[in-house]
Protein backbone atom coordinates (compact mmCIF):
# COMPACT_ATOMS: atom_id res chain seq x y z
CA MET A 1 105.08 87.79 -44.20
CA LYS A 2 104.63 84.95 -46.66
CA GLY A 3 101.03 83.97 -47.23
CA ASP A 4 99.50 87.05 -45.59
CA PRO A 5 96.10 87.33 -47.35
CA SER A 6 96.25 91.13 -47.24
CA GLY A 7 98.98 90.86 -49.85
CA ASP A 8 96.80 89.07 -52.41
CA ARG A 9 96.57 90.79 -55.77
CA ILE A 10 94.09 89.59 -58.41
CA ASP A 11 95.00 90.04 -62.06
CA GLY A 12 92.30 88.45 -64.18
CA ASN A 13 92.15 84.80 -63.19
CA THR A 14 95.55 84.89 -61.48
CA THR A 15 96.07 85.63 -57.79
CA THR A 16 99.53 86.57 -56.55
CA ASN A 17 100.74 87.67 -53.15
CA VAL A 18 102.99 90.72 -52.90
CA PHE A 19 104.64 89.29 -49.76
CA ASP A 20 105.63 85.95 -51.33
CA TYR A 21 109.16 86.88 -52.36
CA SER A 22 111.30 84.72 -54.60
CA GLN A 23 114.82 83.75 -53.57
CA SER A 24 116.29 86.51 -55.76
CA GLU A 25 113.89 89.09 -54.27
CA ARG A 26 114.80 88.05 -50.73
CA SER A 27 118.48 88.38 -51.64
CA ALA A 28 117.82 91.83 -53.07
CA LEU A 29 116.12 92.93 -49.84
CA ILE A 30 119.19 91.80 -47.88
CA TRP A 31 121.66 93.33 -50.33
CA ALA A 32 119.81 96.66 -50.27
CA VAL A 33 120.94 97.15 -46.68
CA GLY A 34 124.53 96.30 -47.61
CA VAL A 35 124.50 98.73 -50.54
CA GLY A 36 123.14 101.54 -48.35
CA THR A 37 125.78 100.93 -45.70
CA THR A 38 128.60 100.67 -48.23
CA LEU A 39 127.72 103.94 -49.96
CA ALA A 40 127.08 105.86 -46.74
CA THR A 41 130.00 104.72 -44.57
CA PHE A 42 132.53 107.37 -45.57
CA PRO A 43 130.09 110.29 -46.07
CA ILE A 44 128.67 109.71 -42.59
CA ASN A 45 132.17 109.44 -41.14
CA HIS A 46 133.00 112.79 -42.78
CA LEU A 47 129.86 114.36 -41.28
CA MET A 48 130.85 113.09 -37.84
CA ILE A 49 134.19 114.80 -38.23
CA LYS A 50 132.56 118.08 -39.26
CA ILE A 51 129.63 118.30 -36.83
CA GLY A 52 130.23 115.53 -34.29
CA ALA A 53 128.62 112.18 -33.54
CA ARG A 54 125.73 113.56 -31.48
CA TRP A 55 123.60 114.96 -34.29
CA VAL A 56 124.72 112.53 -36.99
CA CYS A 57 123.86 109.49 -34.87
CA LEU A 58 120.58 111.05 -33.79
CA PHE A 59 119.66 111.54 -37.45
CA CYS A 60 120.58 107.94 -38.29
CA ILE A 61 118.64 106.51 -35.33
CA VAL A 62 115.56 108.45 -36.42
CA ILE A 63 115.99 107.34 -40.05
CA SER A 64 116.25 103.71 -38.92
CA ALA A 65 113.15 104.02 -36.72
CA LEU A 66 111.18 105.68 -39.51
CA ALA A 67 112.24 102.97 -41.95
CA SER A 68 111.00 100.31 -39.54
CA LEU A 69 107.74 102.17 -39.03
CA LEU A 70 107.12 102.53 -42.78
CA SER A 71 108.19 99.02 -43.78
CA PRO A 72 104.75 97.34 -43.50
CA PHE A 73 103.17 100.10 -45.60
CA VAL A 74 105.78 100.22 -48.38
CA ALA A 75 106.05 96.41 -48.50
CA ALA A 76 102.38 96.33 -49.45
CA MET A 77 103.13 98.70 -52.33
CA GLY A 78 105.59 96.35 -53.98
CA LEU A 79 109.23 95.30 -54.04
CA TRP A 80 110.85 98.55 -55.22
CA PRO A 81 109.39 100.81 -52.49
CA PHE A 82 110.47 98.22 -49.93
CA LEU A 83 113.99 98.12 -51.42
CA ILE A 84 114.25 101.91 -51.03
CA VAL A 85 113.32 101.72 -47.35
CA ARG A 86 115.75 98.85 -46.80
CA PHE A 87 118.45 100.97 -48.48
CA LEU A 88 117.73 103.78 -45.98
CA GLN A 89 118.11 101.30 -43.13
CA GLY A 90 121.54 100.47 -44.53
CA VAL A 91 122.43 104.16 -44.63
CA ALA A 92 121.50 104.48 -40.96
CA TYR A 93 123.51 101.37 -40.07
CA ALA A 94 126.61 103.01 -41.56
CA ALA A 95 126.85 105.25 -38.49
CA ASP A 96 127.52 102.37 -36.09
CA PHE A 97 131.25 101.81 -36.45
CA ALA A 98 132.07 105.48 -36.97
CA ALA A 99 130.22 106.16 -33.71
CA ILE A 100 132.23 103.48 -31.94
CA GLY A 101 135.47 105.15 -33.01
CA ALA A 102 134.24 108.63 -32.09
CA VAL A 103 132.97 107.55 -28.66
CA ILE A 104 136.12 105.61 -27.77
CA VAL A 105 138.49 108.42 -28.76
CA ARG A 106 136.56 111.11 -26.87
CA TRP A 107 135.07 109.21 -23.95
CA VAL A 108 137.28 106.26 -23.03
CA PRO A 109 140.50 106.23 -21.00
CA ILE A 110 143.47 104.70 -22.82
CA THR A 111 143.63 101.93 -20.22
CA GLU A 112 140.11 100.74 -21.11
CA TYR A 113 140.14 100.79 -24.92
CA ALA A 114 139.79 97.02 -25.40
CA ILE A 115 136.96 96.71 -22.86
CA PHE A 116 134.91 99.40 -24.57
CA VAL A 117 135.60 98.00 -28.04
CA ALA A 118 134.40 94.59 -26.84
CA ILE A 119 131.24 95.96 -25.25
CA MET A 120 130.36 98.27 -28.13
CA THR A 121 130.95 95.68 -30.87
CA ALA A 122 128.84 93.11 -29.00
CA PHE A 123 125.76 94.85 -30.40
CA THR A 124 125.85 92.60 -33.48
CA PRO A 125 125.16 89.20 -31.85
CA ILE A 126 122.99 90.68 -29.10
CA SER A 127 120.76 92.70 -31.41
CA SER A 128 120.42 89.81 -33.86
CA PHE A 129 119.35 87.44 -31.09
CA VAL A 130 116.88 89.92 -29.56
CA THR A 131 115.43 90.96 -32.91
CA ASP A 132 115.01 87.40 -34.17
CA SER A 133 113.40 86.31 -30.89
CA ALA A 134 111.05 89.30 -30.73
CA SER A 135 110.06 88.98 -34.38
CA GLY A 136 109.37 85.27 -33.96
CA PHE A 137 107.18 86.05 -30.95
CA PHE A 138 105.11 88.65 -32.82
CA CYS A 139 104.73 86.44 -35.88
CA GLU A 140 103.28 83.63 -33.75
CA THR A 141 100.70 85.88 -32.06
CA SER A 142 97.55 87.53 -33.35
CA LEU A 143 99.52 90.80 -33.64
CA GLY A 144 101.30 89.49 -36.73
CA TRP A 145 104.55 90.38 -38.45
CA ARG A 146 103.70 94.09 -38.73
CA ALA A 147 103.87 94.44 -34.95
CA SER A 148 107.54 93.50 -35.06
CA PHE A 149 108.32 96.50 -37.30
CA TYR A 150 106.22 98.82 -35.13
CA ALA A 151 107.83 97.61 -31.89
CA HIS A 152 111.31 98.14 -33.30
CA ALA A 153 110.30 101.60 -34.52
CA VAL A 154 109.07 102.59 -31.06
CA PHE A 155 112.27 101.26 -29.51
CA GLY A 156 114.28 103.28 -32.05
CA PHE A 157 112.51 106.55 -31.20
CA VAL A 158 113.02 105.91 -27.48
CA MET A 159 116.73 105.29 -28.06
CA ALA A 160 116.94 108.51 -30.08
CA GLY A 161 115.57 110.45 -27.13
CA ILE A 162 117.97 108.78 -24.69
CA TRP A 163 120.92 109.45 -27.01
CA LEU A 164 120.00 113.13 -27.32
CA LEU A 165 119.61 113.43 -23.54
CA LEU A 166 122.81 111.67 -22.49
CA PHE A 167 125.42 112.08 -25.21
CA SER A 168 127.63 115.02 -26.06
CA ASN A 169 130.62 115.13 -28.38
CA GLN A 170 133.01 116.03 -25.57
CA PRO A 171 132.74 114.68 -22.01
CA GLU A 172 133.74 118.03 -20.50
CA LYS A 173 130.60 119.58 -22.00
CA ASN A 174 128.28 116.92 -20.59
CA LYS A 175 126.21 117.93 -17.55
CA PHE A 176 126.31 114.39 -16.18
CA VAL A 177 130.12 114.21 -16.10
CA GLY A 178 132.22 115.66 -13.28
CA ALA A 179 135.72 117.12 -13.40
CA GLN A 180 137.30 113.99 -11.91
CA GLU A 181 135.72 111.83 -14.59
CA VAL A 182 136.98 114.18 -17.30
CA ASP A 183 140.50 113.98 -15.87
CA LEU A 184 140.29 110.17 -15.85
CA ILE A 185 139.17 110.10 -19.49
CA HIS A 186 141.92 112.52 -20.56
CA LYS A 187 144.69 110.88 -18.56
CA ASP A 188 147.83 110.21 -20.66
CA LYS A 189 146.21 111.78 -23.72
CA CYS A 190 147.78 114.78 -25.41
CA ALA A 191 145.70 117.77 -26.49
CA ALA A 192 145.59 116.48 -30.06
CA GLU A 193 143.65 113.42 -28.88
CA VAL A 194 141.20 115.44 -26.80
CA ASP A 195 140.36 118.32 -29.13
CA SER A 196 137.96 117.91 -32.05
CA HIS A 197 139.54 118.02 -35.49
CA LYS A 198 137.71 119.10 -38.59
CA GLU A 199 140.34 117.78 -40.98
CA VAL A 200 141.60 114.23 -41.33
CA PRO A 201 144.94 113.41 -43.03
CA TYR A 202 143.39 110.76 -45.25
CA LEU A 203 146.39 110.40 -47.55
CA LYS A 204 148.83 109.93 -44.66
CA ILE A 205 146.53 107.36 -43.05
CA LEU A 206 146.31 105.49 -46.34
CA LYS A 207 150.11 105.41 -46.50
CA SER A 208 150.41 103.86 -43.02
CA VAL A 209 151.56 100.22 -43.22
CA PRO A 210 150.30 99.29 -39.71
CA ILE A 211 146.86 100.61 -40.65
CA TRP A 212 146.81 98.43 -43.75
CA ALA A 213 147.84 95.46 -41.60
CA VAL A 214 144.84 96.22 -39.39
CA TRP A 215 142.51 96.45 -42.37
CA ALA A 216 143.85 93.22 -43.89
CA ASN A 217 143.10 91.35 -40.66
CA ALA A 218 139.71 93.00 -40.23
CA PHE A 219 138.71 92.06 -43.77
CA GLY A 220 139.74 88.43 -43.33
CA GLU A 221 138.03 88.12 -39.96
CA HIS A 222 134.79 89.70 -41.19
CA VAL A 223 134.66 87.68 -44.40
CA THR A 224 135.26 84.37 -42.63
CA THR A 225 132.94 85.15 -39.72
CA SER A 226 130.19 86.23 -42.11
CA LEU A 227 130.77 83.11 -44.17
CA LEU A 228 130.50 80.74 -41.22
CA LEU A 229 127.60 82.46 -39.48
CA THR A 230 125.59 83.02 -42.67
CA TYR A 231 126.04 79.56 -44.15
CA ALA A 232 126.16 77.56 -40.90
CA PRO A 233 122.44 76.61 -41.16
CA ILE A 234 122.93 75.33 -44.73
CA PHE A 235 126.11 73.45 -43.79
CA PHE A 236 124.57 71.90 -40.67
CA ASN A 237 121.49 70.74 -42.55
CA SER A 238 122.95 69.76 -45.93
CA VAL A 239 126.43 68.43 -45.09
CA LEU A 240 126.17 67.40 -41.43
CA ALA A 241 122.57 66.12 -41.86
CA PHE A 242 121.04 67.78 -38.77
CA ASP A 243 117.27 68.18 -38.83
CA ILE A 244 115.76 71.66 -39.28
CA GLY A 245 114.91 72.12 -35.60
CA THR A 246 118.40 71.25 -34.38
CA THR A 247 119.94 73.36 -37.13
CA GLY A 248 117.95 76.42 -36.02
CA ILE A 249 118.99 76.03 -32.39
CA LEU A 250 122.68 75.53 -33.20
CA ALA A 251 122.77 78.43 -35.65
CA SER A 252 121.11 80.82 -33.18
CA LEU A 253 123.60 79.97 -30.43
CA ILE A 254 126.79 80.41 -32.47
CA GLY A 255 126.75 84.21 -32.24
CA LEU A 256 125.89 84.33 -28.53
CA VAL A 257 128.62 82.04 -27.21
CA GLN A 258 131.29 84.60 -28.04
CA ILE A 259 130.08 87.39 -25.74
CA PRO A 260 131.49 86.15 -22.38
CA PHE A 261 134.86 85.32 -23.96
CA LYS A 262 134.88 88.70 -25.72
CA ILE A 263 134.52 90.55 -22.42
CA VAL A 264 137.10 88.37 -20.61
CA CYS A 265 139.69 88.88 -23.36
CA ALA A 266 139.09 92.64 -23.36
CA ILE A 267 139.57 92.86 -19.59
CA CYS A 268 142.78 90.82 -19.83
CA SER A 269 144.03 93.02 -22.67
CA ASP A 270 143.52 96.21 -20.65
CA LYS A 271 144.40 95.02 -17.16
CA ILE A 272 147.43 92.79 -17.71
CA THR A 273 150.48 94.98 -17.19
CA PHE A 274 153.43 92.56 -17.18
CA ILE A 275 153.13 92.12 -20.96
CA SER A 276 153.73 95.05 -23.30
CA GLU A 277 150.80 96.45 -25.29
CA LYS A 278 152.47 95.43 -28.53
CA ASN A 279 152.84 91.81 -27.42
CA LYS A 280 149.30 91.72 -26.07
CA MET A 281 148.00 92.88 -29.44
CA LEU A 282 149.94 90.08 -31.12
CA ILE A 283 148.63 87.45 -28.69
CA PHE A 284 144.99 88.44 -29.02
CA ASN A 285 145.26 88.85 -32.78
CA PHE A 286 146.67 85.33 -33.01
CA ILE A 287 143.71 84.05 -30.98
CA SER A 288 141.11 85.91 -33.07
CA VAL A 289 142.68 85.68 -36.54
CA GLY A 290 145.62 83.27 -36.74
CA SER A 291 144.15 80.36 -34.80
CA CYS A 292 140.73 80.91 -36.36
CA GLY A 293 142.33 80.56 -39.78
CA VAL A 294 143.55 77.12 -38.75
CA LEU A 295 140.07 76.18 -37.46
CA CYS A 296 138.47 77.36 -40.70
CA CYS A 297 140.76 75.10 -42.74
CA LEU A 298 139.98 72.22 -40.40
CA LEU A 299 136.24 72.61 -41.04
CA GLY A 300 136.73 71.56 -44.63
CA PHE A 301 137.71 68.06 -43.51
CA LEU A 302 135.01 67.42 -40.89
CA GLY A 303 131.96 65.90 -42.52
CA LYS A 304 128.90 63.99 -41.39
CA GLU A 305 130.91 61.21 -39.72
CA ALA A 306 132.56 63.84 -37.46
CA ARG A 307 129.64 66.25 -37.19
CA VAL A 308 129.97 66.71 -33.43
CA TRP A 309 133.58 67.82 -33.92
CA SER A 310 132.50 70.03 -36.81
CA VAL A 311 129.86 71.82 -34.72
CA GLY A 312 132.38 72.18 -31.89
CA THR A 313 134.83 73.76 -34.34
CA PHE A 314 132.16 76.23 -35.48
CA PHE A 315 131.50 77.27 -31.88
CA LEU A 316 135.21 77.43 -31.05
CA PHE A 317 135.81 79.65 -34.09
CA SER A 318 133.00 82.00 -33.05
CA THR A 319 134.35 82.15 -29.50
CA LEU A 320 138.01 82.77 -30.34
CA SER A 321 137.23 85.34 -33.06
CA SER A 322 135.68 87.57 -30.37
CA ALA A 323 139.17 88.32 -28.98
CA ASN A 324 139.67 90.83 -31.80
CA SER A 325 139.07 93.82 -29.49
CA GLY A 326 142.52 93.21 -28.00
CA GLY A 327 144.08 92.58 -31.41
CA PHE A 328 143.63 94.57 -34.60
CA TYR A 329 140.92 96.84 -33.14
CA LYS A 330 143.19 97.97 -30.31
CA CYS A 331 146.10 98.40 -32.69
CA ALA A 332 143.92 100.65 -34.88
CA ILE A 333 143.11 102.92 -31.94
CA TYR A 334 146.68 103.06 -30.64
CA VAL A 335 148.11 103.90 -34.06
CA ALA A 336 145.44 106.29 -35.34
CA ARG A 337 144.45 107.84 -31.96
CA GLN A 338 142.30 110.94 -32.68
CA TYR A 339 141.60 109.67 -36.20
CA SER A 340 140.62 106.14 -35.21
CA HIS A 341 136.99 106.84 -36.10
CA PHE A 342 138.03 106.90 -39.77
CA VAL A 343 140.05 103.70 -39.44
CA ILE A 344 137.20 101.89 -37.68
CA SER A 345 134.73 103.24 -40.25
CA ALA A 346 136.87 101.58 -42.90
CA ILE A 347 136.52 98.33 -40.94
CA GLN A 348 132.75 98.83 -41.16
CA PHE A 349 133.19 99.28 -44.92
CA MET A 350 135.05 95.98 -45.08
CA LYS A 351 132.26 94.35 -43.11
CA CYS A 352 129.91 95.54 -45.85
CA LEU A 353 132.22 94.15 -48.53
CA ALA A 354 132.08 90.82 -46.73
CA LEU A 355 128.32 90.73 -47.39
CA PHE A 356 129.13 90.74 -51.11
CA VAL A 357 132.33 88.66 -51.09
CA CYS A 358 130.93 85.69 -49.12
CA PRO A 359 128.00 84.92 -51.45
CA ALA A 360 130.33 85.38 -54.44
CA ILE A 361 132.88 82.84 -53.11
CA VAL A 362 130.15 80.33 -52.29
CA ALA A 363 128.48 80.84 -55.67
CA VAL A 364 131.76 80.15 -57.51
CA PHE A 365 132.84 77.01 -55.65
CA VAL A 366 129.70 75.46 -54.12
CA HIS A 367 127.26 74.08 -56.67
CA ASP A 368 125.92 71.28 -54.49
CA ASP A 369 125.13 72.17 -50.87
CA ASN A 370 125.65 68.53 -49.83
CA ASN A 371 129.18 68.29 -51.25
CA LEU A 372 131.80 68.67 -48.50
CA SER A 373 134.71 68.82 -50.98
CA GLN A 374 133.23 71.96 -52.56
CA TRP A 375 132.79 73.61 -49.16
CA ARG A 376 136.36 72.58 -48.35
CA ILE A 377 137.69 74.91 -51.07
CA VAL A 378 135.75 77.85 -49.58
CA PHE A 379 136.98 77.11 -46.05
CA LEU A 380 140.59 76.69 -47.17
CA ILE A 381 140.59 79.99 -49.09
CA SER A 382 139.22 81.87 -46.08
CA GLY A 383 141.42 80.10 -43.53
CA ILE A 384 144.66 80.53 -45.46
CA TYR A 385 143.91 84.23 -45.99
CA MET A 386 143.39 84.67 -42.23
CA MET A 387 146.69 83.00 -41.43
CA ILE A 388 148.56 85.13 -43.98
CA SER A 389 146.95 88.33 -42.71
CA HIS A 390 147.97 87.48 -39.14
CA ILE A 391 151.58 87.04 -40.28
CA ILE A 392 151.36 90.50 -41.88
CA PHE A 393 150.02 91.87 -38.59
CA TRP A 394 152.85 90.15 -36.70
CA ILE A 395 155.43 91.93 -38.87
CA PHE A 396 153.95 95.44 -39.01
CA HIS A 397 151.78 95.98 -35.91
CA THR A 398 152.78 98.56 -33.31
CA ASP A 399 151.47 100.35 -30.25
CA VAL A 400 153.16 103.66 -31.15
CA PRO A 401 150.95 106.51 -32.47
CA ALA A 402 151.61 107.20 -36.14
CA ASP A 403 153.36 110.37 -37.26
CA PHE A 404 150.14 111.76 -38.69
CA THR A 405 148.73 112.02 -35.14
CA ASN A 406 151.32 114.67 -34.27
CA VAL A 407 149.43 117.86 -35.01
CA ASP A 408 149.96 121.39 -33.79
CA VAL A 409 147.13 121.97 -31.31
CA LYS A 410 146.91 124.88 -28.94
CA PRO A 411 145.69 123.95 -25.46
CA ARG A 412 142.11 125.09 -24.92
CA ARG A 413 141.10 127.55 -22.25
CA HIS A 414 139.46 126.24 -19.10
CA SER A 415 140.58 122.74 -19.95
CA SER A 416 141.18 120.19 -17.25
CA ILE A 417 143.93 118.57 -19.33
CA SER A 418 147.34 118.40 -17.70
CA LEU A 419 150.14 117.37 -20.02
CA THR A 420 153.10 115.32 -18.85
CA GLU A 421 156.59 116.35 -19.92
CA PRO A 422 156.80 113.65 -22.62
CA GLN A 423 153.44 114.75 -23.98
CA ALA A 424 154.50 118.39 -23.99
CA GLU A 425 157.71 117.49 -25.84
CA LYS A 426 155.65 115.44 -28.32
CA LEU A 427 153.42 118.42 -29.01
CA LYS A 428 156.41 120.72 -29.48
CA ALA A 429 157.86 118.22 -31.94
């Protein structure tokens, strides 16, 4: 957008360009999305509980598409109109993790939780890569930067139509799903996990120690991942002395390398049967949180003279952190069951907090981008926190549904659910 002559504004003898944003203005445009997501995460989760994910997500997809469509117009009006639209994009983004929780609880068999978590959370690196590539393409053609916003808007409206056509809040009410598929989805689930609930025991969830262990690990993983991915270009260029071109290539690949490993770990988590679910959670959480904490600490001691090892550590961190679908994410779903959408929404909230915490940590300790010793403090703080949070997870994690999941639910008429004796006894209890 910078330098677009259509943004020139003449005030007397001075010419300014409305698209030439200062560093603080660019930061504000990024933070506007984080503020919108932070403020909207829990209200949108509450709406999903009341009316279901179908209409809430449809509304958010449309809002996001409209925001993209309007961005070129409001950007020309000035910074504040653009900030408002960016805020609305953040509001729409708040639906993502709540939707993941709602879809997994209603649509996914228990034996495939980790696989679906891995696939559905892969949207972050995939969408970033596709969006950056597409935007770069449009900016280098005669179509210009506005075409990128318009293309994304069109894509958003198409996705809204597909969502409305294919998705329903319950699989048994979906015309594309047969009875056998419904039985597979509901297998080993009690009626409380299948029926929709309008009320969530927030206080009881907040008193659950395993849930707090999950949140502690999610916060540490998100903060450190955001830190490394966001500041990798600066670190590669300033500390490791890579040129700009090499820095761009390395930074763009860091997020993508994790996807194959993410899927493999999820499959192993769901399909391996000779290890208990509780132990599998511990193993994959150690891979994604505990070991990554060690790698983060190590980064603080790998400077220019060991820059190949440093880059390799960055990539290894990104790869191993993707095993989280079999760790704290899976623990969240097993413990919270029908209320996991709220727990996962809280993880989204922590992801938003990471957008504020990371710049704050860097601002406090890093005053010279070229100084490895200052970066070392940041890496050590993040790495030590990850290791401590994994120890907390080790002590308190479980694969047993929490007491607050035991609700009195009457079996629905015409339901294909068949309860086993243990499930029936659980419901009676």
